Amino acid sequence: MTLGDPGTREGGLLVLEARPGEGHSLGEAEQAIISEVLRIQQEPIQEEEVAGAQRLLVLESLRQQEDATTFAQALGAAWSEAGNWQAALPDASRLKTWGSEELRRLARTYLSMDRSVTTLVESDPLTSDEDPLDVRLVEAIRAMARRKMDDPAAVDALVRRTILQLRMLPRSEREKALELLKPKERP
């Protein structure tokens, strides 16, 4: 999971990028993020958590300065996002002014689900072979669709939409769907 702050040019935008772990669906990943946001909004944030997050920010800043390529990328991103290369070097002393209650207030104000946009960007199910289960599902759905449709483009569109919907299910449910799609032997 990565977190991006596009800076002063897009002041109210915070970007969270996540990929579900093996065996978890996109819906589960989104629900985990929503649950964590609600936890931050509703429960007291422990000072140790705040201090740990601040240490991670400082550590990440130091890590990116160790490698010339990474540092150049950070400087370029800071310039394009904030209009200022110095934004690549966070001021650790400024971070320490944010306490637990202030962070909760900010989370309630800015991390509102009614102000969020969820997008999905993933590989094309018809050309990706990164998940063997998807490959088998594509084959089964395509075979079924070809029996009912003549237009290859329509078949591909149907298969693509179906796989994208199935990807939202847990892996175990997708495996069950594959079993249902397999042709049954007639007695």
N, C-alpha and C. Protein backbone atom coordinates (compact mmCIF):
# COMPACT_ATOMS: atom_id res chain seq x y z
N MET A 1 0.84 -1.16 0.00
CA MET A 1 0.00 0.00 0.00
C MET A 1 0.89 1.23 0.00
N THR A 2 0.51 2.23 -0.78
CA THR A 2 1.25 3.48 -0.80
C THR A 2 0.29 4.64 -0.58
N LEU A 3 0.83 5.72 -0.09
CA LEU A 3 0.06 6.91 0.20
C LEU A 3 0.71 8.06 -0.54
N GLY A 4 -0.10 8.85 -1.25
CA GLY A 4 0.45 9.96 -2.00
C GLY A 4 -0.27 11.25 -1.66
N ASP A 5 0.48 12.30 -1.54
CA ASP A 5 -0.08 13.63 -1.31
C ASP A 5 0.37 14.49 -2.48
N PRO A 6 -0.53 14.77 -3.44
CA PRO A 6 -0.11 15.52 -4.62
C PRO A 6 0.30 16.95 -4.34
N GLY A 7 0.23 17.42 -3.14
CA GLY A 7 0.81 18.71 -2.79
C GLY A 7 -0.11 19.89 -2.99
N THR A 8 0.49 21.09 -3.00
CA THR A 8 -0.27 22.33 -3.00
C THR A 8 -1.05 22.55 -4.28
N ARG A 9 -0.62 21.96 -5.37
CA ARG A 9 -1.36 22.15 -6.63
C ARG A 9 -2.69 21.40 -6.62
N GLU A 10 -2.79 20.38 -5.84
CA GLU A 10 -4.04 19.63 -5.64
C GLU A 10 -4.25 19.53 -4.14
N GLY A 11 -4.47 20.65 -3.50
CA GLY A 11 -4.47 20.75 -2.04
C GLY A 11 -5.34 19.79 -1.28
N GLY A 12 -6.53 19.47 -1.77
CA GLY A 12 -7.42 18.61 -1.01
C GLY A 12 -7.36 17.16 -1.40
N LEU A 13 -6.35 16.78 -2.16
CA LEU A 13 -6.30 15.43 -2.69
C LEU A 13 -5.29 14.58 -1.94
N LEU A 14 -5.72 13.44 -1.49
CA LEU A 14 -4.87 12.44 -0.87
C LEU A 14 -5.11 11.15 -1.65
N VAL A 15 -4.05 10.50 -2.07
CA VAL A 15 -4.18 9.30 -2.89
C VAL A 15 -3.68 8.11 -2.10
N LEU A 16 -4.52 7.10 -1.98
CA LEU A 16 -4.17 5.86 -1.31
C LEU A 16 -4.23 4.76 -2.36
N GLU A 17 -3.14 4.07 -2.53
CA GLU A 17 -3.08 2.99 -3.51
C GLU A 17 -2.87 1.69 -2.76
N ALA A 18 -3.72 0.70 -3.04
CA ALA A 18 -3.63 -0.58 -2.33
C ALA A 18 -3.84 -1.72 -3.31
N ARG A 19 -3.23 -2.84 -3.01
CA ARG A 19 -3.43 -4.06 -3.79
C ARG A 19 -3.79 -5.16 -2.80
N PRO A 20 -4.88 -5.89 -3.05
CA PRO A 20 -5.27 -6.95 -2.11
C PRO A 20 -4.19 -8.01 -2.00
N GLY A 21 -4.02 -8.53 -0.80
CA GLY A 21 -3.08 -9.62 -0.60
C GLY A 21 -3.61 -10.90 -1.22
N GLU A 22 -2.75 -11.86 -1.37
CA GLU A 22 -3.11 -13.15 -1.96
C GLU A 22 -4.32 -13.73 -1.23
N GLY A 23 -5.30 -14.12 -2.00
CA GLY A 23 -6.49 -14.72 -1.43
C GLY A 23 -7.54 -13.74 -0.95
N HIS A 24 -7.31 -12.45 -1.16
CA HIS A 24 -8.28 -11.44 -0.73
C HIS A 24 -8.82 -10.70 -1.95
N SER A 25 -10.07 -10.29 -1.86
CA SER A 25 -10.73 -9.61 -2.97
C SER A 25 -10.51 -8.10 -2.89
N LEU A 26 -10.86 -7.43 -3.98
CA LEU A 26 -10.80 -5.97 -4.01
C LEU A 26 -11.77 -5.39 -2.99
N GLY A 27 -12.93 -6.00 -2.87
CA GLY A 27 -13.92 -5.55 -1.89
C GLY A 27 -13.38 -5.63 -0.47
N GLU A 28 -12.66 -6.70 -0.17
CA GLU A 28 -12.07 -6.85 1.17
C GLU A 28 -11.01 -5.77 1.41
N ALA A 29 -10.21 -5.47 0.40
CA ALA A 29 -9.18 -4.44 0.55
C ALA A 29 -9.83 -3.08 0.80
N GLU A 30 -10.86 -2.77 0.03
CA GLU A 30 -11.55 -1.49 0.22
C GLU A 30 -12.19 -1.42 1.60
N GLN A 31 -12.80 -2.52 2.05
CA GLN A 31 -13.43 -2.53 3.37
C GLN A 31 -12.40 -2.37 4.48
N ALA A 32 -11.22 -2.95 4.31
CA ALA A 32 -10.15 -2.79 5.31
C ALA A 32 -9.71 -1.33 5.41
N ILE A 33 -9.62 -0.65 4.27
CA ILE A 33 -9.24 0.77 4.28
C ILE A 33 -10.31 1.60 4.96
N ILE A 34 -11.57 1.35 4.61
CA ILE A 34 -12.68 2.09 5.23
C ILE A 34 -12.71 1.85 6.73
N SER A 35 -12.50 0.61 7.16
CA SER A 35 -12.49 0.29 8.59
C SER A 35 -11.37 1.04 9.31
N GLU A 36 -10.20 1.11 8.70
CA GLU A 36 -9.09 1.82 9.33
C GLU A 36 -9.36 3.32 9.42
N VAL A 37 -9.94 3.89 8.38
CA VAL A 37 -10.30 5.32 8.41
C VAL A 37 -11.30 5.57 9.53
N LEU A 38 -12.31 4.72 9.65
CA LEU A 38 -13.31 4.89 10.72
C LEU A 38 -12.67 4.75 12.10
N ARG A 39 -11.72 3.82 12.22
CA ARG A 39 -11.03 3.65 13.50
C ARG A 39 -10.28 4.92 13.88
N ILE A 40 -9.59 5.51 12.90
CA ILE A 40 -8.83 6.73 13.16
C ILE A 40 -9.77 7.87 13.52
N GLN A 41 -10.93 7.92 12.88
CA GLN A 41 -11.89 8.99 13.16
C GLN A 41 -12.55 8.86 14.52
N GLN A 42 -12.77 7.63 14.98
CA GLN A 42 -13.60 7.42 16.16
C GLN A 42 -12.84 7.07 17.43
N GLU A 43 -11.74 6.37 17.30
CA GLU A 43 -11.01 5.93 18.48
C GLU A 43 -9.83 6.84 18.76
N PRO A 44 -9.48 6.97 20.02
CA PRO A 44 -8.29 7.77 20.32
C PRO A 44 -7.05 7.15 19.66
N ILE A 45 -6.24 8.00 19.08
CA ILE A 45 -5.00 7.54 18.46
C ILE A 45 -3.92 7.57 19.53
N GLN A 46 -3.29 6.46 19.72
CA GLN A 46 -2.25 6.37 20.74
C GLN A 46 -1.06 7.24 20.35
N GLU A 47 -0.48 7.90 21.32
CA GLU A 47 0.69 8.75 21.06
C GLU A 47 1.83 7.95 20.45
N GLU A 48 1.92 6.66 20.82
CA GLU A 48 2.97 5.81 20.25
C GLU A 48 2.76 5.63 18.74
N GLU A 49 1.47 5.53 18.33
CA GLU A 49 1.18 5.42 16.89
C GLU A 49 1.59 6.68 16.15
N VAL A 50 1.29 7.84 16.75
CA VAL A 50 1.65 9.12 16.14
C VAL A 50 3.17 9.21 16.02
N ALA A 51 3.86 8.89 17.11
CA ALA A 51 5.32 8.96 17.10
C ALA A 51 5.91 7.97 16.09
N GLY A 52 5.33 6.77 16.02
CA GLY A 52 5.80 5.78 15.05
C GLY A 52 5.62 6.23 13.62
N ALA A 53 4.48 6.85 13.32
CA ALA A 53 4.23 7.36 11.97
C ALA A 53 5.20 8.48 11.63
N GLN A 54 5.47 9.34 12.60
CA GLN A 54 6.42 10.43 12.37
C GLN A 54 7.82 9.89 12.11
N ARG A 55 8.21 8.86 12.87
CA ARG A 55 9.53 8.25 12.65
C ARG A 55 9.61 7.63 11.25
N LEU A 56 8.52 6.98 10.82
CA LEU A 56 8.51 6.39 9.48
C LEU A 56 8.65 7.45 8.38
N LEU A 57 8.00 8.61 8.57
CA LEU A 57 8.14 9.70 7.59
C LEU A 57 9.58 10.20 7.51
N VAL A 58 10.19 10.37 8.67
CA VAL A 58 11.59 10.83 8.71
C VAL A 58 12.50 9.77 8.09
N LEU A 59 12.27 8.51 8.45
CA LEU A 59 13.08 7.41 7.91
C LEU A 59 12.94 7.33 6.39
N GLU A 60 11.72 7.47 5.87
CA GLU A 60 11.50 7.44 4.42
C GLU A 60 12.22 8.59 3.75
N SER A 61 12.19 9.76 4.36
CA SER A 61 12.89 10.92 3.81
C SER A 61 14.39 10.66 3.75
N LEU A 62 14.95 10.10 4.82
CA LEU A 62 16.39 9.79 4.84
C LEU A 62 16.74 8.71 3.82
N ARG A 63 15.87 7.70 3.69
CA ARG A 63 16.12 6.62 2.75
C ARG A 63 16.15 7.14 1.32
N GLN A 64 15.22 8.03 0.99
CA GLN A 64 15.20 8.53 -0.38
C GLN A 64 16.39 9.42 -0.69
N GLN A 65 17.03 9.98 0.33
CA GLN A 65 18.19 10.83 0.11
C GLN A 65 19.48 10.03 -0.05
N GLU A 66 19.44 8.74 0.28
CA GLU A 66 20.65 7.90 0.19
C GLU A 66 20.99 7.52 -1.25
N ASP A 67 19.99 7.45 -2.11
CA ASP A 67 20.20 7.01 -3.48
C ASP A 67 19.94 8.19 -4.42
N ALA A 68 20.88 8.48 -5.30
CA ALA A 68 20.78 9.65 -6.18
C ALA A 68 19.55 9.59 -7.08
N THR A 69 19.24 8.43 -7.62
CA THR A 69 18.08 8.30 -8.50
C THR A 69 16.79 8.53 -7.73
N THR A 70 16.67 7.91 -6.58
CA THR A 70 15.46 8.07 -5.77
C THR A 70 15.30 9.51 -5.33
N PHE A 71 16.42 10.14 -4.96
CA PHE A 71 16.37 11.53 -4.52
C PHE A 71 15.98 12.45 -5.68
N ALA A 72 16.51 12.19 -6.87
CA ALA A 72 16.15 12.99 -8.04
C ALA A 72 14.66 12.85 -8.35
N GLN A 73 14.13 11.63 -8.22
CA GLN A 73 12.70 11.43 -8.44
C GLN A 73 11.88 12.19 -7.41
N ALA A 74 12.32 12.17 -6.15
CA ALA A 74 11.61 12.89 -5.10
C ALA A 74 11.64 14.39 -5.34
N LEU A 75 12.78 14.90 -5.79
CA LEU A 75 12.88 16.34 -6.09
C LEU A 75 11.96 16.71 -7.26
N GLY A 76 11.95 15.87 -8.29
CA GLY A 76 11.09 16.12 -9.44
C GLY A 76 9.61 16.07 -9.06
N ALA A 77 9.24 15.09 -8.24
CA ALA A 77 7.85 15.00 -7.80
C ALA A 77 7.47 16.21 -6.96
N ALA A 78 8.36 16.63 -6.06
CA ALA A 78 8.08 17.80 -5.23
C ALA A 78 7.89 19.04 -6.09
N TRP A 79 8.74 19.19 -7.12
CA TRP A 79 8.62 20.36 -7.99
C TRP A 79 7.30 20.33 -8.75
N SER A 80 6.94 19.18 -9.29
CA SER A 80 5.71 19.11 -10.10
C SER A 80 4.46 19.15 -9.25
N GLU A 81 4.51 18.60 -8.04
CA GLU A 81 3.32 18.55 -7.18
C GLU A 81 3.15 19.80 -6.33
N ALA A 82 4.24 20.32 -5.80
CA ALA A 82 4.16 21.45 -4.88
C ALA A 82 4.70 22.74 -5.47
N GLY A 83 5.42 22.64 -6.61
CA GLY A 83 6.02 23.82 -7.20
C GLY A 83 7.25 24.27 -6.44
N ASN A 84 7.82 23.37 -5.64
CA ASN A 84 8.94 23.72 -4.78
C ASN A 84 9.74 22.46 -4.48
N TRP A 85 11.00 22.43 -4.86
CA TRP A 85 11.81 21.23 -4.65
C TRP A 85 12.03 20.95 -3.17
N GLN A 86 11.97 21.99 -2.31
CA GLN A 86 12.19 21.78 -0.87
C GLN A 86 11.10 20.93 -0.23
N ALA A 87 9.96 20.78 -0.90
CA ALA A 87 8.89 19.93 -0.36
C ALA A 87 9.33 18.47 -0.29
N ALA A 88 10.40 18.13 -0.99
CA ALA A 88 10.93 16.75 -0.93
C ALA A 88 11.62 16.48 0.40
N LEU A 89 11.91 17.53 1.15
CA LEU A 89 12.60 17.40 2.43
C LEU A 89 11.65 17.82 3.54
N PRO A 90 10.84 16.87 4.06
CA PRO A 90 9.88 17.26 5.09
C PRO A 90 10.56 17.77 6.35
N ASP A 91 9.95 18.75 6.96
CA ASP A 91 10.47 19.35 8.19
C ASP A 91 9.96 18.52 9.37
N ALA A 92 10.84 17.70 9.94
CA ALA A 92 10.45 16.81 11.03
C ALA A 92 9.92 17.59 12.24
N SER A 93 10.44 18.78 12.48
CA SER A 93 9.97 19.55 13.64
C SER A 93 8.52 19.98 13.45
N ARG A 94 8.10 20.22 12.21
CA ARG A 94 6.72 20.60 11.94
C ARG A 94 5.77 19.43 12.18
N LEU A 95 6.24 18.22 11.91
CA LEU A 95 5.41 17.03 12.12
C LEU A 95 5.08 16.82 13.60
N LYS A 96 5.97 17.18 14.47
CA LYS A 96 5.78 16.92 15.89
C LYS A 96 4.68 17.76 16.51
N THR A 97 4.18 18.79 15.81
CA THR A 97 3.12 19.61 16.36
C THR A 97 1.76 18.93 16.24
N TRP A 98 1.66 17.87 15.44
CA TRP A 98 0.38 17.18 15.27
C TRP A 98 0.20 16.16 16.37
N GLY A 99 -0.76 16.39 17.22
CA GLY A 99 -1.06 15.44 18.29
C GLY A 99 -2.21 14.52 17.90
N SER A 100 -2.51 13.62 18.78
CA SER A 100 -3.53 12.61 18.55
C SER A 100 -4.89 13.23 18.26
N GLU A 101 -5.32 14.17 19.06
CA GLU A 101 -6.64 14.79 18.86
C GLU A 101 -6.70 15.60 17.57
N GLU A 102 -5.64 16.30 17.25
CA GLU A 102 -5.61 17.07 16.01
C GLU A 102 -5.70 16.14 14.80
N LEU A 103 -5.02 15.01 14.86
CA LEU A 103 -5.08 14.05 13.76
C LEU A 103 -6.48 13.47 13.62
N ARG A 104 -7.14 13.18 14.73
CA ARG A 104 -8.52 12.67 14.67
C ARG A 104 -9.44 13.72 14.05
N ARG A 105 -9.28 14.97 14.44
CA ARG A 105 -10.11 16.05 13.90
C ARG A 105 -9.90 16.16 12.38
N LEU A 106 -8.65 16.11 11.96
CA LEU A 106 -8.34 16.17 10.53
C LEU A 106 -8.92 14.97 9.78
N ALA A 107 -8.83 13.79 10.38
CA ALA A 107 -9.38 12.58 9.75
C ALA A 107 -10.89 12.70 9.60
N ARG A 108 -11.56 13.21 10.62
CA ARG A 108 -13.02 13.38 10.53
C ARG A 108 -13.38 14.41 9.46
N THR A 109 -12.58 15.45 9.34
CA THR A 109 -12.87 16.51 8.37
C THR A 109 -12.57 16.08 6.95
N TYR A 110 -11.40 15.50 6.72
CA TYR A 110 -10.93 15.28 5.36
C TYR A 110 -11.06 13.84 4.84
N LEU A 111 -11.14 12.87 5.72
CA LEU A 111 -11.23 11.48 5.25
C LEU A 111 -12.67 10.99 5.33
N SER A 112 -13.56 11.77 4.77
CA SER A 112 -14.97 11.46 4.78
C SER A 112 -15.30 10.57 3.58
N MET A 113 -16.06 9.50 3.82
CA MET A 113 -16.40 8.58 2.73
C MET A 113 -17.27 9.25 1.66
N ASP A 114 -18.05 10.26 2.04
CA ASP A 114 -18.88 10.92 1.04
C ASP A 114 -18.07 11.87 0.17
N ARG A 115 -16.81 12.11 0.52
CA ARG A 115 -15.94 12.96 -0.29
C ARG A 115 -14.85 12.14 -0.98
N SER A 116 -15.01 10.83 -0.99
CA SER A 116 -13.96 10.00 -1.57
C SER A 116 -14.39 9.46 -2.93
N VAL A 117 -13.40 9.12 -3.72
CA VAL A 117 -13.62 8.50 -5.02
C VAL A 117 -12.78 7.23 -5.04
N THR A 118 -13.41 6.12 -5.37
CA THR A 118 -12.70 4.86 -5.45
C THR A 118 -12.57 4.48 -6.92
N THR A 119 -11.37 4.21 -7.34
CA THR A 119 -11.16 3.78 -8.72
C THR A 119 -10.42 2.45 -8.70
N LEU A 120 -10.54 1.76 -9.78
CA LEU A 120 -9.90 0.47 -9.90
C LEU A 120 -9.09 0.46 -11.19
N VAL A 121 -7.82 0.20 -11.05
CA VAL A 121 -6.97 0.06 -12.23
C VAL A 121 -6.28 -1.29 -12.08
N GLU A 122 -6.53 -2.15 -13.04
CA GLU A 122 -5.92 -3.47 -12.96
C GLU A 122 -5.65 -4.00 -14.36
N SER A 123 -4.97 -5.10 -14.42
CA SER A 123 -4.59 -5.66 -15.71
C SER A 123 -5.82 -6.16 -16.46
N ASP A 124 -5.70 -6.17 -17.77
CA ASP A 124 -6.79 -6.65 -18.62
C ASP A 124 -6.93 -8.16 -18.42
N PRO A 125 -8.11 -8.60 -18.04
CA PRO A 125 -8.30 -10.03 -17.77
C PRO A 125 -8.05 -10.93 -18.98
N LEU A 126 -8.21 -10.38 -20.18
CA LEU A 126 -8.05 -11.20 -21.38
C LEU A 126 -6.59 -11.41 -21.76
N THR A 127 -5.71 -10.53 -21.33
CA THR A 127 -4.30 -10.64 -21.73
C THR A 127 -3.36 -10.94 -20.57
N SER A 128 -3.84 -10.83 -19.35
CA SER A 128 -2.97 -11.04 -18.19
C SER A 128 -2.95 -12.51 -17.81
N ASP A 129 -1.77 -12.98 -17.50
CA ASP A 129 -1.66 -14.36 -17.02
C ASP A 129 -1.09 -14.40 -15.60
N GLU A 130 -1.22 -13.28 -14.87
CA GLU A 130 -0.62 -13.22 -13.54
C GLU A 130 -1.38 -14.08 -12.53
N ASP A 131 -2.67 -14.35 -12.77
CA ASP A 131 -3.43 -15.19 -11.86
C ASP A 131 -3.95 -16.40 -12.64
N PRO A 132 -3.44 -17.59 -12.35
CA PRO A 132 -3.87 -18.78 -13.08
C PRO A 132 -5.38 -19.04 -12.96
N LEU A 133 -5.98 -18.66 -11.84
CA LEU A 133 -7.42 -18.83 -11.69
C LEU A 133 -8.17 -17.96 -12.70
N ASP A 134 -7.71 -16.73 -12.89
CA ASP A 134 -8.33 -15.85 -13.89
C ASP A 134 -8.21 -16.45 -15.28
N VAL A 135 -7.08 -17.03 -15.59
CA VAL A 135 -6.87 -17.63 -16.92
C VAL A 135 -7.89 -18.74 -17.15
N ARG A 136 -8.09 -19.59 -16.14
CA ARG A 136 -9.06 -20.69 -16.27
C ARG A 136 -10.49 -20.15 -16.36
N LEU A 137 -10.78 -19.10 -15.57
CA LEU A 137 -12.11 -18.49 -15.64
C LEU A 137 -12.37 -17.88 -17.02
N VAL A 138 -11.38 -17.20 -17.58
CA VAL A 138 -11.52 -16.62 -18.92
C VAL A 138 -11.85 -17.70 -19.93
N GLU A 139 -11.11 -18.81 -19.87
CA GLU A 139 -11.34 -19.91 -20.81
C GLU A 139 -12.75 -20.46 -20.68
N ALA A 140 -13.21 -20.68 -19.45
CA ALA A 140 -14.54 -21.26 -19.22
C ALA A 140 -15.64 -20.30 -19.65
N ILE A 141 -15.51 -19.04 -19.30
CA ILE A 141 -16.55 -18.06 -19.66
C ILE A 141 -16.57 -17.83 -21.16
N ARG A 142 -15.38 -17.76 -21.76
CA ARG A 142 -15.31 -17.57 -23.22
C ARG A 142 -15.96 -18.75 -23.94
N ALA A 143 -15.69 -19.97 -23.50
CA ALA A 143 -16.29 -21.15 -24.14
C ALA A 143 -17.81 -21.10 -24.03
N MET A 144 -18.33 -20.72 -22.88
CA MET A 144 -19.77 -20.64 -22.69
C MET A 144 -20.36 -19.53 -23.57
N ALA A 145 -19.70 -18.38 -23.60
CA ALA A 145 -20.21 -17.25 -24.37
C ALA A 145 -20.20 -17.54 -25.87
N ARG A 146 -19.20 -18.24 -26.34
CA ARG A 146 -19.11 -18.55 -27.78
C ARG A 146 -20.27 -19.44 -28.23
N ARG A 147 -20.83 -20.22 -27.32
CA ARG A 147 -21.97 -21.06 -27.68
C ARG A 147 -23.23 -20.21 -27.91
N LYS A 148 -23.28 -19.03 -27.32
CA LYS A 148 -24.48 -18.18 -27.40
C LYS A 148 -24.30 -16.95 -28.29
N MET A 149 -23.05 -16.55 -28.56
CA MET A 149 -22.79 -15.31 -29.30
C MET A 149 -21.85 -15.58 -30.47
N ASP A 150 -22.09 -14.88 -31.58
CA ASP A 150 -21.24 -15.06 -32.76
C ASP A 150 -20.14 -14.01 -32.86
N ASP A 151 -20.37 -12.83 -32.34
CA ASP A 151 -19.44 -11.71 -32.48
C ASP A 151 -18.28 -11.86 -31.48
N PRO A 152 -17.04 -12.06 -31.97
CA PRO A 152 -15.90 -12.24 -31.06
C PRO A 152 -15.67 -11.02 -30.15
N ALA A 153 -15.93 -9.81 -30.65
CA ALA A 153 -15.76 -8.62 -29.81
C ALA A 153 -16.77 -8.60 -28.68
N ALA A 154 -18.00 -9.01 -28.96
CA ALA A 154 -19.03 -9.08 -27.92
C ALA A 154 -18.67 -10.14 -26.88
N VAL A 155 -18.12 -11.26 -27.36
CA VAL A 155 -17.68 -12.32 -26.43
C VAL A 155 -16.60 -11.77 -25.50
N ASP A 156 -15.59 -11.12 -26.08
CA ASP A 156 -14.50 -10.57 -25.26
C ASP A 156 -15.01 -9.53 -24.27
N ALA A 157 -15.94 -8.68 -24.69
CA ALA A 157 -16.49 -7.67 -23.79
C ALA A 157 -17.22 -8.33 -22.63
N LEU A 158 -18.00 -9.36 -22.93
CA LEU A 158 -18.71 -10.08 -21.88
C LEU A 158 -17.74 -10.76 -20.91
N VAL A 159 -16.74 -11.41 -21.46
CA VAL A 159 -15.74 -12.09 -20.62
C VAL A 159 -15.02 -11.08 -19.73
N ARG A 160 -14.60 -9.97 -20.30
CA ARG A 160 -13.87 -8.94 -19.55
C ARG A 160 -14.72 -8.42 -18.38
N ARG A 161 -15.98 -8.06 -18.66
CA ARG A 161 -16.86 -7.54 -17.60
C ARG A 161 -17.09 -8.59 -16.52
N THR A 162 -17.27 -9.83 -16.93
CA THR A 162 -17.53 -10.90 -15.97
C THR A 162 -16.32 -11.12 -15.06
N ILE A 163 -15.13 -11.17 -15.63
CA ILE A 163 -13.92 -11.37 -14.82
C ILE A 163 -13.72 -10.21 -13.85
N LEU A 164 -13.94 -8.98 -14.32
CA LEU A 164 -13.78 -7.83 -13.42
C LEU A 164 -14.75 -7.92 -12.25
N GLN A 165 -15.95 -8.40 -12.49
CA GLN A 165 -16.91 -8.58 -11.40
C GLN A 165 -16.47 -9.72 -10.46
N LEU A 166 -16.01 -10.81 -11.05
CA LEU A 166 -15.58 -11.94 -10.24
C LEU A 166 -14.36 -11.61 -9.38
N ARG A 167 -13.51 -10.71 -9.86
CA ARG A 167 -12.32 -10.33 -9.08
C ARG A 167 -12.68 -9.66 -7.75
N MET A 168 -13.89 -9.18 -7.62
CA MET A 168 -14.32 -8.56 -6.38
C MET A 168 -14.65 -9.59 -5.30
N LEU A 169 -14.79 -10.84 -5.70
CA LEU A 169 -15.12 -11.90 -4.76
C LEU A 169 -13.85 -12.48 -4.14
N PRO A 170 -13.98 -13.06 -2.95
CA PRO A 170 -12.84 -13.78 -2.38
C PRO A 170 -12.44 -14.94 -3.30
N ARG A 171 -11.20 -15.31 -3.22
CA ARG A 171 -10.68 -16.38 -4.10
C ARG A 171 -11.50 -17.66 -3.99
N SER A 172 -11.91 -18.02 -2.80
CA SER A 172 -12.68 -19.26 -2.62
C SER A 172 -13.98 -19.22 -3.40
N GLU A 173 -14.62 -18.07 -3.45
CA GLU A 173 -15.87 -17.92 -4.21
C GLU A 173 -15.60 -17.98 -5.71
N ARG A 174 -14.48 -17.43 -6.13
CA ARG A 174 -14.11 -17.48 -7.55
C ARG A 174 -13.83 -18.92 -7.96
N GLU A 175 -13.21 -19.69 -7.07
CA GLU A 175 -12.95 -21.10 -7.37
C GLU A 175 -14.26 -21.87 -7.49
N LYS A 176 -15.24 -21.55 -6.63
CA LYS A 176 -16.56 -22.18 -6.72
C LYS A 176 -17.23 -21.82 -8.05
N ALA A 177 -17.09 -20.57 -8.47
CA ALA A 177 -17.67 -20.13 -9.74
C ALA A 177 -17.06 -20.92 -10.89
N LEU A 178 -15.76 -21.16 -10.83
CA LEU A 178 -15.11 -21.93 -11.89
C LEU A 178 -15.68 -23.35 -11.94
N GLU A 179 -15.90 -23.95 -10.79
CA GLU A 179 -16.47 -25.30 -10.76
C GLU A 179 -17.86 -25.31 -11.39
N LEU A 180 -18.64 -24.27 -11.15
CA LEU A 180 -19.98 -24.19 -11.73
C LEU A 180 -19.94 -23.99 -13.24
N LEU A 181 -18.88 -23.34 -13.72
CA LEU A 181 -18.77 -23.06 -15.15
C LEU A 181 -18.22 -24.23 -15.96
N LYS A 182 -17.59 -25.18 -15.29
CA LYS A 182 -17.04 -26.32 -16.02
C LYS A 182 -18.17 -27.13 -16.64
N PRO A 183 -17.98 -27.59 -17.87
CA PRO A 183 -19.04 -28.40 -18.50
C PRO A 183 -19.24 -29.70 -17.72
N LYS A 184 -20.49 -30.03 -17.52
CA LYS A 184 -20.81 -31.26 -16.80
C LYS A 184 -20.90 -32.42 -17.77
N GLU A 185 -20.39 -33.57 -17.33
CA GLU A 185 -20.48 -34.76 -18.18
C GLU A 185 -21.87 -35.33 -18.10
N ARG A 186 -22.41 -35.68 -19.24
CA ARG A 186 -23.77 -36.26 -19.27
C ARG A 186 -23.68 -37.76 -19.06
N PRO A 187 -24.63 -38.31 -18.29
CA PRO A 187 -24.61 -39.76 -18.04
C PRO A 187 -24.98 -40.57 -19.28
